[in-house]
Structure formats: structure tokens, C-alpha cells
Protein backbone atom coordinates (compact mmCIF):
# COMPACT_ATOMS: atom_id res chain seq x y z
CA MET A 1 81.98 158.07 96.20
CA ASN A 2 81.54 156.66 92.69
CA ASN A 3 79.28 159.03 90.80
CA THR A 4 79.98 157.92 87.24
CA ASN A 5 76.84 158.38 85.11
CA LYS A 6 75.01 160.10 87.95
CA ASN A 7 73.43 163.29 86.69
CA ILE A 8 70.39 163.95 88.88
CA PHE A 9 71.39 165.91 91.96
CA PHE A 10 68.98 166.37 94.84
CA ILE A 11 70.07 169.15 97.20
CA MET A 12 68.41 168.25 100.50
CA GLY A 13 68.05 169.52 104.04
CA VAL A 14 65.70 171.41 106.29
CA SER A 15 64.21 174.73 105.28
CA GLY A 16 66.71 177.59 105.41
CA CYS A 17 69.86 175.48 104.96
CA GLY A 18 70.69 177.04 101.58
CA LYS A 19 69.34 174.54 99.05
CA THR A 20 68.37 177.19 96.49
CA THR A 21 71.66 179.08 96.78
CA ILE A 22 73.79 175.95 96.48
CA GLY A 23 71.60 174.46 93.74
CA THR A 24 71.86 177.64 91.68
CA LEU A 25 75.65 177.80 92.05
CA LEU A 26 76.07 174.10 91.32
CA SER A 27 73.86 174.49 88.24
CA LYS A 28 76.24 177.13 86.86
CA LYS A 29 79.28 174.94 87.53
CA LEU A 30 77.85 171.71 86.10
CA GLY A 31 75.69 173.15 83.33
CA PHE A 32 72.55 171.32 84.44
CA PRO A 33 69.20 173.09 84.88
CA PHE A 34 68.18 173.95 88.45
CA TYR A 35 64.67 173.50 89.86
CA ASP A 36 63.52 174.65 93.27
CA GLY A 37 61.18 172.00 94.65
CA ASP A 38 59.25 174.69 96.52
CA ASP A 39 57.98 175.96 93.15
CA PHE A 40 56.23 172.61 92.59
CA HIS A 41 54.18 172.50 95.80
CA PRO A 42 50.43 172.61 95.22
CA GLU A 43 48.81 175.80 96.47
CA VAL A 44 47.10 173.93 99.33
CA ASN A 45 50.54 172.94 100.71
CA VAL A 46 51.84 176.50 100.44
CA ARG A 47 48.79 177.84 102.28
CA LYS A 48 49.16 175.20 104.99
CA MET A 49 52.82 176.03 105.61
CA ALA A 50 52.23 179.79 105.41
CA ALA A 51 49.62 179.35 108.14
CA GLY A 52 52.29 177.74 110.35
CA ASN A 53 51.15 174.13 109.93
CA PRO A 54 53.69 171.45 109.03
CA LEU A 55 53.05 169.16 106.08
CA ASP A 56 52.41 165.48 106.74
CA ASP A 57 53.27 162.48 104.56
CA ASP A 58 49.92 162.68 102.72
CA ASP A 59 50.50 166.36 101.92
CA ARG A 60 53.93 165.59 100.48
CA GLN A 61 52.99 162.51 98.42
CA GLY A 62 51.82 164.21 95.22
CA TRP A 63 54.58 166.81 95.44
CA LEU A 64 57.28 164.13 95.70
CA ILE A 65 55.81 162.22 92.76
CA ARG A 66 55.82 165.44 90.73
CA LEU A 67 59.52 166.01 91.53
CA ASN A 68 60.35 162.41 90.63
CA GLU A 69 58.63 162.94 87.27
CA LEU A 70 60.61 166.16 86.81
CA ALA A 71 63.86 164.24 87.35
CA ILE A 72 62.79 161.41 85.03
CA ASN A 73 61.94 163.94 82.32
CA HIS A 74 65.50 165.34 82.43
CA PRO A 75 67.57 162.35 81.30
CA LYS A 76 70.53 164.61 80.45
CA GLY A 77 70.66 165.81 84.04
CA GLY A 78 69.29 168.28 86.52
CA ILE A 79 69.60 169.72 89.99
CA ILE A 80 66.55 169.75 92.24
CA ALA A 81 66.31 171.41 95.66
CA CYS A 82 63.96 169.43 97.88
CA SER A 83 63.99 168.94 101.64
CA SER A 84 63.83 165.13 101.19
CA LEU A 85 63.57 164.76 104.95
CA LYS A 86 62.72 161.05 105.22
CA GLU A 87 64.25 157.98 103.62
CA SER A 88 60.81 157.04 102.26
CA TYR A 89 60.65 160.45 100.53
CA ARG A 90 64.10 159.90 98.99
CA GLU A 91 63.02 156.47 97.77
CA LEU A 92 60.00 158.01 96.04
CA LEU A 93 62.04 160.87 94.58
CA SER A 94 64.55 158.47 93.05
CA LYS A 95 62.08 155.78 91.93
CA THR A 96 63.24 154.19 88.64
CA ILE A 97 66.30 156.49 88.47
CA GLU A 98 68.17 155.33 91.59
CA LYS A 99 71.44 154.76 89.69
CA LYS A 100 71.42 158.32 88.34
CA VAL A 101 70.83 160.15 91.66
CA VAL A 102 73.32 161.91 93.91
CA TRP A 103 72.07 163.16 97.28
CA ILE A 104 73.70 166.31 98.67
CA HIS A 105 72.75 166.98 102.28
CA LEU A 106 73.26 170.53 103.56
CA GLN A 107 73.72 170.10 107.29
CA GLY A 108 73.57 172.65 110.08
CA THR A 109 72.39 172.96 113.64
CA PHE A 110 68.95 174.18 114.63
CA GLU A 111 70.54 177.37 115.97
CA GLU A 112 72.50 178.09 112.77
CA ILE A 113 69.52 177.57 110.50
CA SER A 114 67.07 179.34 112.77
CA ALA A 115 69.28 182.44 112.71
CA ARG A 116 69.31 182.32 108.89
CA MET A 117 65.55 181.93 108.65
CA LYS A 118 64.93 184.94 110.89
CA GLN A 119 66.82 187.09 108.37
CA ARG A 120 65.02 185.66 105.33
CA THR A 121 62.19 187.59 103.71
CA GLY A 122 59.65 186.72 101.05
CA HIS A 123 59.39 182.99 101.77
CA TYR A 124 56.15 181.29 102.80
CA MET A 125 57.85 178.87 105.19
CA PRO A 126 57.79 180.43 108.67
CA SER A 127 60.73 179.81 110.99
CA SER A 128 58.23 178.39 113.51
CA LEU A 129 58.10 175.19 111.39
CA LEU A 130 61.85 174.58 111.55
CA LYS A 131 61.59 172.40 114.66
CA SER A 132 59.10 170.09 112.92
CA GLN A 133 61.52 169.73 110.01
CA PHE A 134 64.38 168.76 112.34
CA ASN A 135 62.05 166.30 114.08
CA THR A 136 61.15 164.73 110.73
CA LEU A 137 64.70 164.64 109.30
CA GLU A 138 66.19 161.19 108.87
CA THR A 139 69.87 161.77 108.14
CA PRO A 140 70.81 160.01 104.90
CA ASN A 141 73.54 157.38 104.83
CA ASN A 142 74.23 157.71 101.13
CA ALA A 143 74.72 161.45 100.68
CA ILE A 144 77.50 163.93 100.24
CA THR A 145 77.12 165.88 103.51
CA ILE A 146 78.22 169.50 103.53
CA SER A 147 78.36 171.83 106.53
CA ILE A 148 76.48 175.10 106.07
CA THR A 149 79.12 176.94 108.12
CA LYS A 150 81.21 177.41 104.98
CA THR A 151 80.63 180.04 102.32
CA PRO A 152 78.38 178.98 99.43
CA GLU A 153 81.41 178.92 97.11
CA GLU A 154 83.35 176.69 99.52
CA MET A 155 80.35 174.39 99.82
CA VAL A 156 80.07 174.01 96.03
CA ASP A 157 83.83 173.43 95.73
CA GLU A 158 83.57 170.67 98.33
CA ILE A 159 80.62 169.09 96.52
CA LEU A 160 82.53 169.13 93.22
CA HIS A 161 85.58 167.64 94.93
CA GLN A 162 83.50 164.80 96.39
CA LEU A 163 81.87 164.12 93.03
């Protein structure tokens, strides 16, 4: 994978796959700021998910535009955790910066991620919405794909090796 001059890293995958953990560790290794896309959801989206209702494309539109603007406003680089479930979402997230973006897909089975989510506390995304995320996920063709069965440190080492 040729990643010369690529300095915007989107850590993607379904809820509970470890985007925040891996993004934070990768940020320390690469020296780029880390942003959790969940922090940029409008309150109406957070309330909808907390109530157990999945977001639709219209709900995500403004949020994705906001994350694209965040990436554009960090020309020296950045790491953004965002589910990026559909190709159309990834196109919007990378609009006008396509040549600078690296996609990192954290991949696991429904069973693996469901078990993780059941142990997670303090997050508004209920595990009941995981199935809808898997149903929405369009596996990217142009991403570094990392199995979540490894330790976070092993995952970051593999990402760095593939870069």
C-alpha cells in the first residue's frame, strides 16, 4: 500500500470494535491529534441511538460533513475514529482530500464485538444496535484491514507495518 503523503487516518468499523483505543494508540505513535467521531454527533443523534434507534443516512449526513471539515482543517494530519459504514459515507468523509486519506478497518465477528459491547459502560450506543451496524456495513476495498482478535498494541504495530 503506497501511503506517501497520506496523513489523514480514518479508523473505521462497527461500534465496539476498538476505534477509540486504536486511534488513541496510533495518535501517540504517529504524533497526530486524535478525534473521536462520536464526540461530533449532534445531540439529536445521540438521543436517537441511546433510545435504541439506529441512525439513517439523513441522520448521518451533517455529522459526516462535520468530520470531513475536521479532516480538511488539519492539513498537517489527524486520526479520526468514525464508523464509516458505507462507501457513500467514506466518499463524503474524504471529499476533496481523497489523496491524503488512509482507511483502517477494524474487523471482527458479530459475536466478538457483541461480547465486547456487553462489557462496555458509559457509552450511549446500546449493544442492541450492533446488528443494524453489521447490516449497514459495506466492507471497504481500499483499507488496511486489521483483526480485532489481536491485542491493541499488536493491532497498531500491524497498522504501522502496513503503512
